Each structure stands twice: as C-alpha cells, then as structure tokens.
C-alpha atoms as a PDB file:
ATOM      1  CA  MET A   1      -3.797   0.960 -49.177  1.00  0.00           C
ATOM      2  CA  ASP A   2      -3.987   4.530 -50.623  1.00  0.00           C
ATOM      3  CA  ALA A   3      -4.767   7.638 -49.131  1.00  0.00           C
ATOM      4  CA  LEU A   4      -8.430   7.504 -49.765  1.00  0.00           C
ATOM      5  CA  GLU A   5      -8.682   3.845 -48.347  1.00  0.00           C
ATOM      6  CA  LEU A   6      -6.832   5.033 -45.054  1.00  0.00           C
ATOM      7  CA  MET A   7      -9.501   7.852 -44.881  1.00  0.00           C
ATOM      8  CA  ASP A   8     -12.341   5.495 -44.749  1.00  0.00           C
ATOM      9  CA  LEU A   9     -10.802   3.233 -42.066  1.00  0.00           C
ATOM     10  CA  CYS A  10     -12.019   5.052 -39.097  1.00  0.00           C
ATOM     11  CA  PRO A  11     -13.476   8.797 -38.673  1.00  0.00           C
ATOM     12  CA  VAL A  12     -11.377   9.965 -36.547  1.00  0.00           C
ATOM     13  CA  VAL A  13      -7.466   9.857 -36.459  1.00  0.00           C
ATOM     14  CA  PRO A  14      -6.032  10.480 -33.132  1.00  0.00           C
ATOM     15  CA  VAL A  15      -3.143  13.099 -33.525  1.00  0.00           C
ATOM     16  CA  VAL A  16      -0.351  11.867 -30.829  1.00  0.00           C
ATOM     17  CA  VAL A  17       2.451  13.781 -29.563  1.00  0.00           C
ATOM     18  CA  LEU A  18       4.663  11.616 -27.050  1.00  0.00           C
ATOM     19  CA  HIS A  19       7.165  12.687 -24.679  1.00  0.00           C
ATOM     20  CA  ASP A  20       8.516   8.868 -23.554  1.00  0.00           C
ATOM     21  CA  ALA A  21       8.378   6.265 -25.692  1.00  0.00           C
ATOM     22  CA  GLU A  22       7.554   3.597 -23.128  1.00  0.00           C
ATOM     23  CA  THR A  23       4.381   4.885 -23.299  1.00  0.00           C
ATOM     24  CA  ALA A  24       3.673   4.202 -27.174  1.00  0.00           C
ATOM     25  CA  VAL A  25       2.310   0.611 -27.202  1.00  0.00           C
ATOM     26  CA  PRO A  26      -0.183   0.771 -24.288  1.00  0.00           C
ATOM     27  CA  LEU A  27      -1.499   4.161 -25.783  1.00  0.00           C
ATOM     28  CA  ALA A  28      -1.668   2.345 -29.389  1.00  0.00           C
ATOM     29  CA  ARG A  29      -3.642  -1.036 -28.020  1.00  0.00           C
ATOM     30  CA  ALA A  30      -6.041   0.939 -25.974  1.00  0.00           C
ATOM     31  CA  LEU A  31      -6.726   3.347 -29.215  1.00  0.00           C
ATOM     32  CA  VAL A  32      -7.278   0.190 -31.553  1.00  0.00           C
ATOM     33  CA  ALA A  33      -9.545  -1.414 -29.087  1.00  0.00           C
ATOM     34  CA  GLY A  34     -11.769   1.456 -28.507  1.00  0.00           C
ATOM     35  CA  GLY A  35     -12.015   1.525 -32.365  1.00  0.00           C
ATOM     36  CA  LEU A  36      -9.823   3.953 -34.012  1.00  0.00           C
ATOM     37  CA  PRO A  37      -6.745   1.903 -35.500  1.00  0.00           C
ATOM     38  CA  VAL A  38      -5.085   5.281 -37.642  1.00  0.00           C
ATOM     39  CA  ILE A  39      -2.701   6.582 -35.171  1.00  0.00           C
ATOM     40  CA  GLU A  40      -0.614   9.522 -36.506  1.00  0.00           C
ATOM     41  CA  VAL A  41       2.396  10.160 -34.213  1.00  0.00           C
ATOM     42  CA  THR A  42       3.971  13.640 -34.786  1.00  0.00           C
ATOM     43  CA  LEU A  43       7.522  14.599 -34.916  1.00  0.00           C
ATOM     44  CA  ARG A  44       7.659  16.910 -32.634  1.00  0.00           C
ATOM     45  CA  THR A  45       9.388  15.082 -29.977  1.00  0.00           C
ATOM     46  CA  PRO A  46      12.830  13.110 -30.106  1.00  0.00           C
ATOM     47  CA  VAL A  47      11.116   9.889 -29.074  1.00  0.00           C
ATOM     48  CA  ALA A  48       8.423  10.221 -31.785  1.00  0.00           C
ATOM     49  CA  MET A  49      10.374   7.647 -34.449  1.00  0.00           C
ATOM     50  CA  ASP A  50      11.351   5.226 -31.582  1.00  0.00           C
ATOM     51  CA  ALA A  51       7.452   5.433 -30.848  1.00  0.00           C
ATOM     52  CA  ILE A  52       6.482   4.708 -34.296  1.00  0.00           C
ATOM     53  CA  LYS A  53       8.820   1.706 -34.317  1.00  0.00           C
ATOM     54  CA  ARG A  54       7.734  -0.195 -31.053  1.00  0.00           C
ATOM     55  CA  ILE A  55       3.870   0.489 -32.564  1.00  0.00           C
ATOM     56  CA  ALA A  56       4.495  -0.746 -36.053  1.00  0.00           C
ATOM     57  CA  ALA A  57       6.377  -3.716 -34.421  1.00  0.00           C
ATOM     58  CA  GLU A  58       4.098  -4.569 -31.369  1.00  0.00           C
ATOM     59  CA  VAL A  59       0.471  -3.573 -32.164  1.00  0.00           C
ATOM     60  CA  PRO A  60      -0.340  -5.437 -35.062  1.00  0.00           C
ATOM     61  CA  GLY A  61      -3.936  -3.598 -35.398  1.00  0.00           C
ATOM     62  CA  ALA A  62      -2.398  -0.080 -35.761  1.00  0.00           C
ATOM     63  CA  VAL A  63      -2.023   1.825 -38.832  1.00  0.00           C
ATOM     64  CA  ILE A  64       0.683   3.706 -37.739  1.00  0.00           C
ATOM     65  CA  GLY A  65       1.824   7.183 -39.166  1.00  0.00           C
ATOM     66  CA  ALA A  66       4.196   9.759 -39.322  1.00  0.00           C
ATOM     67  CA  GLY A  67       2.512  13.389 -38.640  1.00  0.00           C
ATOM     68  CA  THR A  68       4.236  16.759 -38.909  1.00  0.00           C
ATOM     69  CA  VAL A  69       6.706  15.445 -41.755  1.00  0.00           C
ATOM     70  CA  VAL A  70       8.434  18.757 -42.960  1.00  0.00           C
ATOM     71  CA  SER A  71      11.475  17.188 -44.900  1.00  0.00           C
ATOM     72  CA  ALA A  72      12.338  14.467 -47.393  1.00  0.00           C
ATOM     73  CA  ASP A  73      15.103  13.069 -44.583  1.00  0.00           C
ATOM     74  CA  GLN A  74      11.766  12.670 -42.260  1.00  0.00           C
ATOM     75  CA  ALA A  75       9.846  10.950 -44.969  1.00  0.00           C
ATOM     76  CA  ARG A  76      12.730   8.416 -45.394  1.00  0.00           C
ATOM     77  CA  ALA A  77      13.233   7.906 -41.562  1.00  0.00           C
ATOM     78  CA  ALA A  78       9.273   7.525 -40.536  1.00  0.00           C
ATOM     79  CA  THR A  79       9.147   5.088 -43.686  1.00  0.00           C
ATOM     80  CA  GLY A  80      12.402   3.077 -42.011  1.00  0.00           C
ATOM     81  CA  ALA A  81      10.887   3.255 -38.900  1.00  0.00           C
ATOM     82  CA  GLY A  82       7.686   1.180 -40.062  1.00  0.00           C
ATOM     83  CA  ALA A  83       5.516   3.915 -40.660  1.00  0.00           C
ATOM     84  CA  HIS A  84       2.044   3.075 -42.607  1.00  0.00           C
ATOM     85  CA  PHE A  85       1.722   6.448 -43.633  1.00  0.00           C
ATOM     86  CA  LEU A  86       2.733  10.209 -43.883  1.00  0.00           C
ATOM     87  CA  VAL A  87       1.354  13.489 -43.209  1.00  0.00           C
ATOM     88  CA  SER A  88       2.841  17.095 -43.534  1.00  0.00           C
ATOM     89  CA  PRO A  89       1.271  20.341 -42.318  1.00  0.00           C
ATOM     90  CA  GLY A  90       2.171  21.997 -45.517  1.00  0.00           C
ATOM     91  CA  CYS A  91       3.715  21.086 -49.144  1.00  0.00           C
ATOM     92  CA  THR A  92       6.040  21.989 -51.120  1.00  0.00           C
ATOM     93  CA  ASP A  93       7.183  20.357 -54.420  1.00  0.00           C
ATOM     94  CA  GLY A  94      10.348  18.615 -52.896  1.00  0.00           C
ATOM     95  CA  LEU A  95       8.602  17.236 -50.151  1.00  0.00           C
ATOM     96  CA  ARG A  96       5.208  16.072 -52.344  1.00  0.00           C
ATOM     97  CA  GLN A  97       7.959  14.430 -54.249  1.00  0.00           C
ATOM     98  CA  ALA A  98       9.735  12.715 -51.385  1.00  0.00           C
ATOM     99  CA  MET A  99       6.654  11.485 -49.719  1.00  0.00           C
ATOM    100  CA  THR A 100       5.659  10.095 -52.805  1.00  0.00           C
ATOM    101  CA  ASP A 101       9.144   8.507 -53.437  1.00  0.00           C
ATOM    102  CA  THR A 102       8.585   6.577 -50.295  1.00  0.00           C
ATOM    103  CA  GLY A 103       5.466   4.670 -51.581  1.00  0.00           C
ATOM    104  CA  LEU A 104       3.481   5.367 -48.602  1.00  0.00           C
ATOM    105  CA  PRO A 105      -0.035   6.578 -48.859  1.00  0.00           C
ATOM    106  CA  PHE A 106       0.169  10.662 -47.530  1.00  0.00           C
ATOM    107  CA  LEU A 107      -1.810  13.550 -46.617  1.00  0.00           C
ATOM    108  CA  ALA A 108       0.002  16.441 -47.434  1.00  0.00           C
ATOM    109  CA  GLY A 109      -1.379  19.585 -46.068  1.00  0.00           C
ATOM    110  CA  VAL A 110      -2.699  22.285 -47.514  1.00  0.00           C
ATOM    111  CA  SER A 111      -5.041  25.473 -46.575  1.00  0.00           C
ATOM    112  CA  THR A 112      -6.213  27.157 -50.031  1.00  0.00           C
ATOM    113  CA  ALA A 113      -7.756  26.173 -52.775  1.00  0.00           C
ATOM    114  CA  SER A 114      -4.590  27.182 -54.794  1.00  0.00           C
ATOM    115  CA  GLU A 115      -2.416  24.701 -52.469  1.00  0.00           C
ATOM    116  CA  ALA A 116      -5.158  21.761 -53.146  1.00  0.00           C
ATOM    117  CA  LEU A 117      -4.762  22.726 -57.051  1.00  0.00           C
ATOM    118  CA  ALA A 118      -1.197  22.454 -56.877  1.00  0.00           C
ATOM    119  CA  LEU A 119      -1.294  18.949 -55.452  1.00  0.00           C
ATOM    120  CA  PHE A 120      -4.518  17.797 -57.696  1.00  0.00           C
ATOM    121  CA  GLU A 121      -2.357  18.932 -60.693  1.00  0.00           C
ATOM    122  CA  HIS A 122      -0.132  16.084 -59.351  1.00  0.00           C
ATOM    123  CA  GLY A 123      -3.054  13.699 -59.325  1.00  0.00           C
ATOM    124  CA  VAL A 124      -3.218  13.894 -55.513  1.00  0.00           C
ATOM    125  CA  THR A 125      -6.906  13.750 -54.482  1.00  0.00           C
ATOM    126  CA  ALA A 126      -6.582  12.939 -50.612  1.00  0.00           C
ATOM    127  CA  MET A 127      -5.133  16.311 -48.642  1.00  0.00           C
ATOM    128  CA  LYS A 128      -4.873  17.165 -44.673  1.00  0.00           C
ATOM    129  CA  PHE A 129      -6.820  20.435 -44.340  1.00  0.00           C
ATOM    130  CA  PHE A 130      -4.895  22.103 -42.009  1.00  0.00           C
ATOM    131  CA  PRO A 131      -5.078  24.362 -39.235  1.00  0.00           C
ATOM    132  CA  ALA A 132      -8.698  23.913 -39.979  1.00  0.00           C
ATOM    133  CA  GLU A 133     -10.689  26.222 -37.658  1.00  0.00           C
ATOM    134  CA  ALA A 134      -7.892  28.700 -38.214  1.00  0.00           C
ATOM    135  CA  ALA A 135      -8.251  28.670 -42.037  1.00  0.00           C
ATOM    136  CA  GLY A 136     -12.146  28.863 -42.142  1.00  0.00           C
ATOM    137  CA  GLY A 137     -13.543  25.409 -40.635  1.00  0.00           C
ATOM    138  CA  ALA A 138     -16.412  23.339 -42.147  1.00  0.00           C
ATOM    139  CA  PRO A 139     -17.762  26.787 -44.442  1.00  0.00           C
ATOM    140  CA  TYR A 140     -14.813  26.937 -45.785  1.00  0.00           C
ATOM    141  CA  LEU A 141     -14.260  23.120 -47.002  1.00  0.00           C
ATOM    142  CA  LYS A 142     -18.047  23.043 -47.758  1.00  0.00           C
ATOM    143  CA  ALA A 143     -17.170  26.000 -50.149  1.00  0.00           C
ATOM    144  CA  LEU A 144     -14.416  23.749 -51.447  1.00  0.00           C
ATOM    145  CA  GLY A 145     -16.521  20.848 -52.326  1.00  0.00           C
ATOM    146  CA  GLY A 146     -18.390  22.837 -55.827  1.00  0.00           C
ATOM    147  CA  PRO A 147     -15.333  23.843 -57.462  1.00  0.00           C
ATOM    148  CA  LEU A 148     -12.816  20.981 -56.243  1.00  0.00           C
ATOM    149  CA  PRO A 149     -15.378  17.926 -56.002  1.00  0.00           C
ATOM    150  CA  ASP A 150     -12.741  15.147 -56.685  1.00  0.00           C
ATOM    151  CA  ILE A 151     -10.552  16.282 -53.774  1.00  0.00           C
ATOM    152  CA  ARG A 152     -11.365  14.758 -49.992  1.00  0.00           C
ATOM    153  CA  PHE A 153     -10.321  16.116 -47.145  1.00  0.00           C
ATOM    154  CA  CYS A 154      -8.767  15.230 -43.470  1.00  0.00           C
ATOM    155  CA  PRO A 155      -9.353  18.650 -41.353  1.00  0.00           C
ATOM    156  CA  THR A 156      -7.052  18.787 -38.160  1.00  0.00           C
ATOM    157  CA  GLY A 157      -6.317  21.797 -36.067  1.00  0.00           C
ATOM    158  CA  GLY A 158      -8.705  22.611 -33.725  1.00  0.00           C
ATOM    159  CA  ILE A 159     -11.126  19.801 -34.330  1.00  0.00           C
ATOM    160  CA  THR A 160     -12.726  18.728 -30.943  1.00  0.00           C
ATOM    161  CA  PRO A 161     -16.059  16.204 -30.178  1.00  0.00           C
ATOM    162  CA  ARG A 162     -18.362  18.904 -30.487  1.00  0.00           C
ATOM    163  CA  ASN A 163     -17.334  20.223 -34.128  1.00  0.00           C
ATOM    164  CA  ALA A 164     -16.087  17.118 -35.698  1.00  0.00           C
ATOM    165  CA  PRO A 165     -19.730  16.009 -36.700  1.00  0.00           C
ATOM    166  CA  GLY A 166     -19.981  19.069 -38.637  1.00  0.00           C
ATOM    167  CA  TYR A 167     -16.647  18.468 -40.500  1.00  0.00           C
ATOM    168  CA  LEU A 168     -17.791  14.453 -40.738  1.00  0.00           C
ATOM    169  CA  ALA A 169     -21.389  15.689 -42.477  1.00  0.00           C
ATOM    170  CA  LEU A 170     -19.691  17.232 -45.501  1.00  0.00           C
ATOM    171  CA  PRO A 171     -19.298  14.842 -48.535  1.00  0.00           C
ATOM    172  CA  ASN A 172     -15.616  16.171 -49.345  1.00  0.00           C
ATOM    173  CA  VAL A 173     -14.318  15.171 -45.807  1.00  0.00           C
ATOM    174  CA  GLY A 174     -13.051  11.739 -45.331  1.00  0.00           C
ATOM    175  CA  CYS A 175     -12.109  11.976 -41.312  1.00  0.00           C
ATOM    176  CA  VAL A 176     -10.803  14.196 -39.092  1.00  0.00           C
ATOM    177  CA  GLY A 177      -7.719  14.424 -36.580  1.00  0.00           C
ATOM    178  CA  GLY A 178      -7.768  15.323 -33.430  1.00  0.00           C
ATOM    179  CA  THR A 179      -5.481  15.689 -30.632  1.00  0.00           C
ATOM    180  CA  TRP A 180      -8.343  15.460 -27.728  1.00  0.00           C
ATOM    181  CA  LEU A 181      -8.427  11.579 -27.750  1.00  0.00           C
ATOM    182  CA  THR A 182      -4.895  11.586 -25.714  1.00  0.00           C
ATOM    183  CA  PRO A 183      -4.587  14.218 -23.594  1.00  0.00           C
ATOM    184  CA  GLU A 184      -1.376  14.214 -22.018  1.00  0.00           C
ATOM    185  CA  ASN A 185      -2.753  14.120 -18.198  1.00  0.00           C
ATOM    186  CA  LEU A 186      -4.177  10.762 -19.482  1.00  0.00           C
ATOM    187  CA  ILE A 187      -0.973   9.531 -20.787  1.00  0.00           C
ATOM    188  CA  GLY A 188       0.930  10.968 -17.781  1.00  0.00           C
ATOM    189  CA  THR A 189      -1.020   8.175 -15.355  1.00  0.00           C
ATOM    190  CA  ALA A 190      -1.230   5.912 -17.969  1.00  0.00           C
ATOM    191  CA  ASP A 191      -4.999   5.811 -17.694  1.00  0.00           C
ATOM    192  CA  TRP A 192      -5.463   3.452 -21.232  1.00  0.00           C
ATOM    193  CA  THR A 193      -8.916   2.520 -19.944  1.00  0.00           C
ATOM    194  CA  ALA A 194      -9.998   6.503 -20.191  1.00  0.00           C
ATOM    195  CA  ILE A 195      -8.182   6.733 -23.642  1.00  0.00           C
ATOM    196  CA  GLU A 196      -9.877   3.589 -24.634  1.00  0.00           C
ATOM    197  CA  SER A 197     -13.479   5.329 -23.781  1.00  0.00           C
ATOM    198  CA  LEU A 198     -12.566   8.415 -25.775  1.00  0.00           C
ATOM    199  CA  ALA A 199     -11.637   5.963 -28.709  1.00  0.00           C
ATOM    200  CA  ARG A 200     -14.880   4.394 -28.586  1.00  0.00           C
ATOM    201  CA  THR A 201     -17.199   7.437 -28.453  1.00  0.00           C
ATOM    202  CA  ALA A 202     -14.939   9.032 -31.540  1.00  0.00           C
ATOM    203  CA  ALA A 203     -15.206   5.846 -33.323  1.00  0.00           C
ATOM    204  CA  LEU A 204     -19.101   6.323 -33.333  1.00  0.00           C
ATOM    205  CA  LEU A 205     -18.979   9.853 -34.932  1.00  0.00           C
ATOM    206  CA  ARG A 206     -19.648   8.851 -38.301  1.00  0.00           C
END
C-alpha cells in the first residue's frame, strides 16, 4: 500500500489524541466497526506509542498510523511500534528522508504551493494539507488543483462534519482528517457505541 492507496480506504481519517492506552483497543474497534479502518494516533501524549502498539496487535481490521511525527527518532519508533503509516504536520528534507527510510507510506504536511513543490520534486504526490482551515481551506486547495494536478491532499485542521463534504468534493482531495469522531467526553465515558455511530455517518460522506 502506498500513500495514494491509503487515501482511498475511507473518506475520513479519525485523528485521535489518547491519554490512556487502555482505551486504544476498544476505541479502534468502534471506529473499524463504523467503517473507518484508517486511524491516526497523534504522538502528543506519553501513551501514544503504546496505544499504537496495542491497536496494531489487537485490532486486525485497523490501519493504524502515527501522527504529529516531527523527528526521525519518532518515525523509527512508530515503525517499531507497528504503525502502518506516518503523518507529519510539516516537513523538512531530513524528516522526509527519515519517513521514506521506514518504508511506510506517509503524509507529510504542507500549507503552501512551494512546500508542496518541494516534496513533489522528490516524487511525493500524496500530502497532508495542514492547518487546512487556517491555511485557506477548500478554496485554496481548489486553486492548487490547476497548477498542481498530480498532487492529492488529506486536509486536516478545522475539518468538521459541516465543511468536510466541500473538501471531499474536490478532485485533488483524497480524504480528510478530523478530531470530531473521537471527542474526549465520549472516550472518557467509554461510549464506544456513540463513537461507532459517528464513524458510520462519516463513512458515508463520500
């Protein structure tokens, strides 16, 4: 699987911040049952790597990724934990090379045409557009489609059920990433049924 194929697996990638690794497996099972197998666990908390490891080992239907990858060490550690893909908020030459060296598909973050072109020069054609709403939103991505027709994006940052369809309607958008599927109040109360329901609705957006 490459990054372009990853984008085609589902219209919405849940972007998950976990504070308790014990919730990782039931949360992932709920998302997969709801039709969203691609899950990004952000490396923003101390339990993130453990959560990725547990999901990779115990939820066979999940395509688990590590998000907020900002260093070569994190890219290597996430690969060792069993991540199936990597996502970064931005990119440098060093980070791009480190993610490439893992052999995993990755979505490197960009927010300008110049950043997208810098990755494109290295053969990268699938990217994360972040922070999507703050960086110009769907109109900006639509404008990029003309001069950069060979690049597909996964917008994240400010994506909601209300604006997601507008992004997904663009030919250069493969999927979107959103945090609305895993609100902390539902994770905290272990309301996996509600999270599965949110996932089912999101899975129909495309």
